[in-house]
Amino acid sequence: MPVVAIIGIGSDIGRELALRYAAQNWTVWGTFRTRAGLEGMPPGIRLAPCDLTACDSIAAAVDAFCREGLSWDVLVVAAGTEEPIGLFWECDEDAWEQGVQVNALAPLRLVRRLYPLRNKSGAPGVAFFSGSGTNNAAPAYSSYCVSKILLIKMCELLDAESSDTSFFIIGPGIVRTKIHDQTLRASGKSGHNYHRVVEFLGSANPGTSHDDIYACLQWCVHAGKTVIGGRNLSLVHDAWRGGGAALA
């Protein structure tokens, strides 16, 4: 059976991807920070605790993957945080740096350590997720935004440095996940985005569905390195649906 490894399986996107991969008879392995997002996981999914703010915890998670005796075909980075939210000048320095750590540096450390454990006989793919604010200014979200820009560039670099693995990043658009709770809690610091989130959550707009995220991810994996390697793909705006021949 093919193997998917999901960093941040307890996030809403990570959990939904795990359920869909499991339904397609993939072996699913994932890291989680707390068990709060693990309810309803089907039996057989392999889990490893991992605190992305602690290097020892990252190393322990990689050791756990090694003990499973697996080789991954798809590696998905679904962990992330929008915090700290607020103007750069007003954010706590340590919290700002920790945001970059959780969103970018720690996942890259995990990818680096898991990379040798890929299925070299296949066509392995590594998927990241980008977010809003990478093409324009998003005041109050600087830690989050620079982390996503770092990942966009790292996809280009890592793809160029790897001969057999595709690295790509997907911009999913706005998704109904619990990450928006962070903006709601920071209502006095999140600026105009607070009203945008309140309007979205109170509307009938479903946002990007998890089915679409899964389908786009699978398209990227099957498209392969020559098509998607190093790319920053917009799930909403790029023409990947229906086979994506023109986009390819």
Protein backbone atom coordinates (compact mmCIF):
# COMPACT_ATOMS: atom_id res chain seq x y z
CA MET A 1 0.00 0.00 0.00
CA PRO A 2 1.22 3.56 -0.67
CA VAL A 3 2.14 5.64 2.37
CA VAL A 4 1.23 9.25 3.19
CA ALA A 5 2.94 11.06 6.07
CA ILE A 6 1.07 14.11 7.39
CA ILE A 7 2.80 16.67 9.58
CA GLY A 8 0.00 18.22 11.60
CA ILE A 9 -2.57 15.46 11.26
CA GLY A 10 -4.56 17.06 14.08
CA SER A 11 -5.22 20.22 12.08
CA ASP A 12 -8.53 20.37 10.24
CA ILE A 13 -6.90 20.00 6.82
CA GLY A 14 -4.53 17.30 8.08
CA ARG A 15 -7.36 15.32 9.64
CA GLU A 16 -9.59 15.54 6.57
CA LEU A 17 -6.75 14.49 4.29
CA ALA A 18 -5.99 11.54 6.57
CA LEU A 19 -9.61 10.37 6.39
CA ARG A 20 -9.62 10.55 2.60
CA TYR A 21 -6.30 8.78 2.19
CA ALA A 22 -7.38 6.05 4.60
CA ALA A 23 -10.61 5.57 2.62
CA GLN A 24 -8.46 4.94 -0.45
CA ASN A 25 -6.50 2.25 1.41
CA TRP A 26 -3.33 4.26 1.90
CA THR A 27 -1.21 3.68 4.97
CA VAL A 28 -1.48 6.93 6.95
CA TRP A 29 1.11 8.16 9.43
CA GLY A 30 0.94 11.55 11.08
CA THR A 31 2.26 13.84 13.79
CA PHE A 32 0.07 15.70 16.26
CA ARG A 33 0.63 18.26 19.00
CA THR A 34 -2.50 17.50 21.03
CA ARG A 35 -5.17 14.82 20.70
CA ALA A 36 -7.94 17.41 20.37
CA GLY A 37 -8.11 17.02 16.59
CA LEU A 38 -7.87 13.24 16.47
CA GLU A 39 -11.46 12.32 17.25
CA GLY A 40 -13.02 10.04 14.68
CA MET A 41 -9.76 8.84 13.20
CA PRO A 42 -10.30 5.35 11.77
CA PRO A 43 -8.32 2.47 13.26
CA GLY A 44 -5.01 1.75 11.63
CA ILE A 45 -3.81 5.34 11.31
CA ARG A 46 -0.37 5.57 12.89
CA LEU A 47 0.24 8.56 15.10
CA ALA A 48 3.28 10.18 16.68
CA PRO A 49 3.24 13.13 19.09
CA CYS A 50 5.32 16.08 17.93
CA ASP A 51 5.74 19.56 19.40
CA LEU A 52 7.12 21.72 16.59
CA THR A 53 8.63 24.13 19.10
CA ALA A 54 10.94 21.42 20.50
CA CYS A 55 13.81 19.89 18.52
CA ASP A 56 13.85 16.80 20.74
CA SER A 57 10.18 16.18 19.99
CA ILE A 58 10.82 16.47 16.25
CA ALA A 59 13.65 13.94 16.50
CA ALA A 60 11.42 11.57 18.50
CA ALA A 61 8.71 11.78 15.83
CA VAL A 62 11.20 10.83 13.11
CA ASP A 63 12.38 7.93 15.25
CA ALA A 64 8.76 6.81 15.57
CA PHE A 65 8.38 6.82 11.77
CA CYS A 66 11.58 4.75 11.46
CA ARG A 67 10.24 2.17 13.91
CA GLU A 68 7.17 1.72 11.70
CA GLY A 69 9.46 0.51 8.93
CA LEU A 70 7.69 2.70 6.36
CA SER A 71 8.79 4.53 3.23
CA TRP A 72 6.55 7.47 2.35
CA ASP A 73 5.17 8.24 -1.09
CA VAL A 74 3.54 11.56 -0.20
CA LEU A 75 4.61 13.90 2.62
CA VAL A 76 2.15 16.65 3.52
CA VAL A 77 2.88 19.61 5.79
CA ALA A 78 -0.47 20.66 7.27
CA ALA A 79 0.69 22.24 10.53
CA GLY A 80 0.53 25.97 11.04
CA THR A 81 -0.55 28.94 13.10
CA GLU A 82 -1.49 32.56 12.40
CA GLU A 83 -0.25 33.65 15.81
CA PRO A 84 1.08 35.99 16.97
CA ILE A 85 -1.43 38.37 15.42
CA GLY A 86 -0.68 42.08 15.71
CA LEU A 87 1.60 44.74 14.33
CA PHE A 88 5.23 43.66 14.09
CA TRP A 89 6.27 46.45 16.45
CA GLU A 90 3.82 45.28 19.08
CA CYS A 91 4.26 41.49 18.93
CA ASP A 92 6.35 39.74 21.52
CA GLU A 93 9.70 39.01 19.87
CA ASP A 94 9.88 35.42 21.07
CA ALA A 95 6.29 34.71 20.00
CA TRP A 96 6.97 36.20 16.55
CA GLU A 97 10.01 34.00 16.05
CA GLN A 98 8.13 30.96 17.34
CA GLY A 99 5.46 31.58 14.70
CA VAL A 100 8.11 31.29 11.99
CA GLN A 101 9.43 28.20 13.74
CA VAL A 102 6.06 26.42 13.77
CA ASN A 103 5.01 27.48 10.27
CA ALA A 104 8.27 26.99 8.40
CA LEU A 105 11.51 26.12 10.17
CA ALA A 106 10.31 23.13 12.21
CA PRO A 107 8.37 21.54 9.32
CA LEU A 108 11.47 21.93 7.14
CA ARG A 109 13.52 20.20 9.83
CA LEU A 110 11.04 17.32 9.75
CA VAL A 111 11.07 17.19 5.95
CA ARG A 112 14.87 17.15 5.97
CA ARG A 113 14.95 14.21 8.37
CA LEU A 114 12.16 12.27 6.66
CA TYR A 115 13.53 12.84 3.15
CA PRO A 116 15.90 9.82 3.22
CA LEU A 117 12.91 7.63 4.17
CA ARG A 118 10.98 8.33 0.94
CA ASN A 119 9.99 5.56 -1.45
CA LYS A 120 12.84 5.94 -3.91
CA SER A 121 11.35 3.37 -6.28
CA GLY A 122 8.31 5.59 -6.88
CA ALA A 123 7.80 9.28 -7.56
CA PRO A 124 7.57 10.83 -4.08
CA GLY A 125 6.01 14.24 -3.57
CA VAL A 126 6.18 16.79 -0.75
CA ALA A 127 3.25 19.20 -0.36
CA PHE A 128 3.10 22.43 1.63
CA PHE A 129 0.23 24.92 1.98
CA SER A 130 0.58 28.64 1.43
CA GLY A 131 -1.84 31.28 2.66
CA SER A 132 -3.14 34.79 2.22
CA GLY A 133 -0.76 37.72 2.30
CA THR A 134 1.96 36.25 0.09
CA ASN A 135 1.13 38.53 -2.85
CA ASN A 136 0.14 41.65 -0.94
CA ALA A 137 0.47 43.17 2.50
CA ALA A 138 -1.46 41.52 5.33
CA PRO A 139 -0.91 43.81 8.31
CA ALA A 140 -0.90 42.08 11.69
CA TYR A 141 0.05 38.68 10.20
CA SER A 142 3.74 39.24 9.42
CA SER A 143 5.07 36.11 11.15
CA TYR A 144 2.59 33.92 9.27
CA CYS A 145 3.14 35.63 5.91
CA VAL A 146 6.93 35.56 5.90
CA SER A 147 6.79 31.89 6.88
CA LYS A 148 4.64 31.08 3.85
CA ILE A 149 6.89 33.09 1.53
CA LEU A 150 9.88 31.20 2.92
CA LEU A 151 8.14 27.90 2.12
CA ILE A 152 7.27 29.04 -1.42
CA LYS A 153 10.93 29.74 -2.12
CA MET A 154 12.10 26.58 -0.37
CA CYS A 155 9.86 24.51 -2.66
CA GLU A 156 11.74 25.94 -5.63
CA LEU A 157 15.11 25.29 -4.04
CA LEU A 158 14.37 21.81 -2.71
CA ASP A 159 12.85 20.72 -5.99
CA ALA A 160 15.96 21.88 -7.84
CA GLU A 161 18.17 20.04 -5.36
CA SER A 162 16.28 16.72 -5.57
CA SER A 163 16.44 14.49 -8.62
CA ASP A 164 13.55 12.17 -7.76
CA THR A 165 11.13 14.07 -5.49
CA SER A 166 8.69 16.85 -6.37
CA PHE A 167 8.23 19.72 -3.93
CA PHE A 168 5.22 21.98 -4.40
CA ILE A 169 2.97 24.31 -2.45
CA ILE A 170 -0.80 24.77 -2.74
CA GLY A 171 -2.72 27.94 -1.96
CA PRO A 172 -6.12 26.52 -0.93
CA GLY A 173 -8.03 29.78 -0.63
CA ILE A 174 -10.22 30.38 2.39
CA VAL A 175 -11.18 27.17 4.21
CA ARG A 176 -13.53 26.71 7.15
CA THR A 177 -11.06 25.57 9.78
CA LYS A 178 -10.40 26.32 13.42
CA ILE A 179 -7.40 28.49 12.53
CA HIS A 180 -9.88 31.37 12.15
CA ASP A 181 -10.49 31.19 15.91
CA GLN A 182 -7.09 32.82 16.34
CA THR A 183 -8.23 35.88 14.42
CA LEU A 184 -11.47 36.04 16.41
CA ARG A 185 -9.56 35.90 19.69
CA ALA A 186 -7.27 38.71 18.50
CA SER A 187 -10.14 40.97 17.43
CA GLY A 188 -8.45 44.11 18.65
CA LYS A 189 -5.19 43.32 16.86
CA SER A 190 -6.22 41.62 13.61
CA GLY A 191 -7.34 44.78 11.82
CA HIS A 192 -9.62 44.59 8.79
CA ASN A 193 -9.13 40.81 8.56
CA TYR A 194 -11.26 40.39 11.69
CA HIS A 195 -14.31 41.73 9.85
CA ARG A 196 -13.46 39.63 6.78
CA VAL A 197 -13.36 36.45 8.87
CA VAL A 198 -16.56 37.30 10.77
CA GLU A 199 -18.34 37.96 7.48
CA PHE A 200 -17.09 34.69 5.96
CA LEU A 201 -17.98 32.55 8.97
CA GLY A 202 -21.43 34.12 9.19
CA SER A 203 -22.17 33.65 5.49
CA ALA A 204 -23.40 30.72 3.43
CA ASN A 205 -20.07 30.64 1.57
CA PRO A 206 -18.66 27.16 2.15
CA GLY A 207 -15.13 28.20 1.20
CA THR A 208 -12.77 25.64 -0.28
CA SER A 209 -13.91 22.11 0.49
CA HIS A 210 -11.66 19.41 1.87
CA ASP A 211 -12.66 17.25 -1.09
CA ASP A 212 -11.19 19.88 -3.40
CA ILE A 213 -8.00 20.12 -1.33
CA TYR A 214 -7.57 16.35 -1.52
CA ALA A 215 -8.32 16.27 -5.25
CA CYS A 216 -5.87 19.10 -5.97
CA LEU A 217 -3.18 17.45 -3.89
CA GLN A 218 -3.67 14.18 -5.74
CA TRP A 219 -3.54 15.98 -9.09
CA CYS A 220 -0.22 17.55 -8.11
CA VAL A 221 1.23 14.20 -7.05
CA HIS A 222 0.13 12.45 -10.23
CA ALA A 223 1.22 15.35 -12.46
CA GLY A 224 4.75 14.64 -11.31
CA LYS A 225 7.97 16.56 -10.96
CA THR A 226 8.25 17.87 -14.52
CA VAL A 227 4.86 19.58 -14.22
CA ILE A 228 4.42 20.61 -10.60
CA GLY A 229 7.94 20.52 -9.16
CA GLY A 230 8.86 23.78 -7.42
CA ARG A 231 5.47 25.33 -8.18
CA ASN A 232 3.14 27.50 -6.14
CA LEU A 233 -0.33 26.42 -7.28
CA SER A 234 -3.60 28.24 -6.60
CA LEU A 235 -6.33 25.70 -5.98
CA VAL A 236 -9.00 28.32 -6.70
CA HIS A 237 -7.56 30.08 -9.75
CA ASP A 238 -5.29 27.60 -11.57
CA ALA A 239 -6.88 25.25 -14.11
CA TRP A 240 -5.94 21.91 -12.59
CA ARG A 241 -9.45 20.45 -12.75
CA GLY A 242 -10.55 18.03 -15.45
CA GLY A 243 -7.06 16.66 -15.92
CA GLY A 244 -5.33 20.04 -16.04
CA ALA A 245 -3.85 19.47 -19.52
CA ALA A 246 -3.65 23.18 -20.36
CA LEU A 247 -2.08 23.99 -17.00
CA ALA A 248 0.45 21.16 -17.36
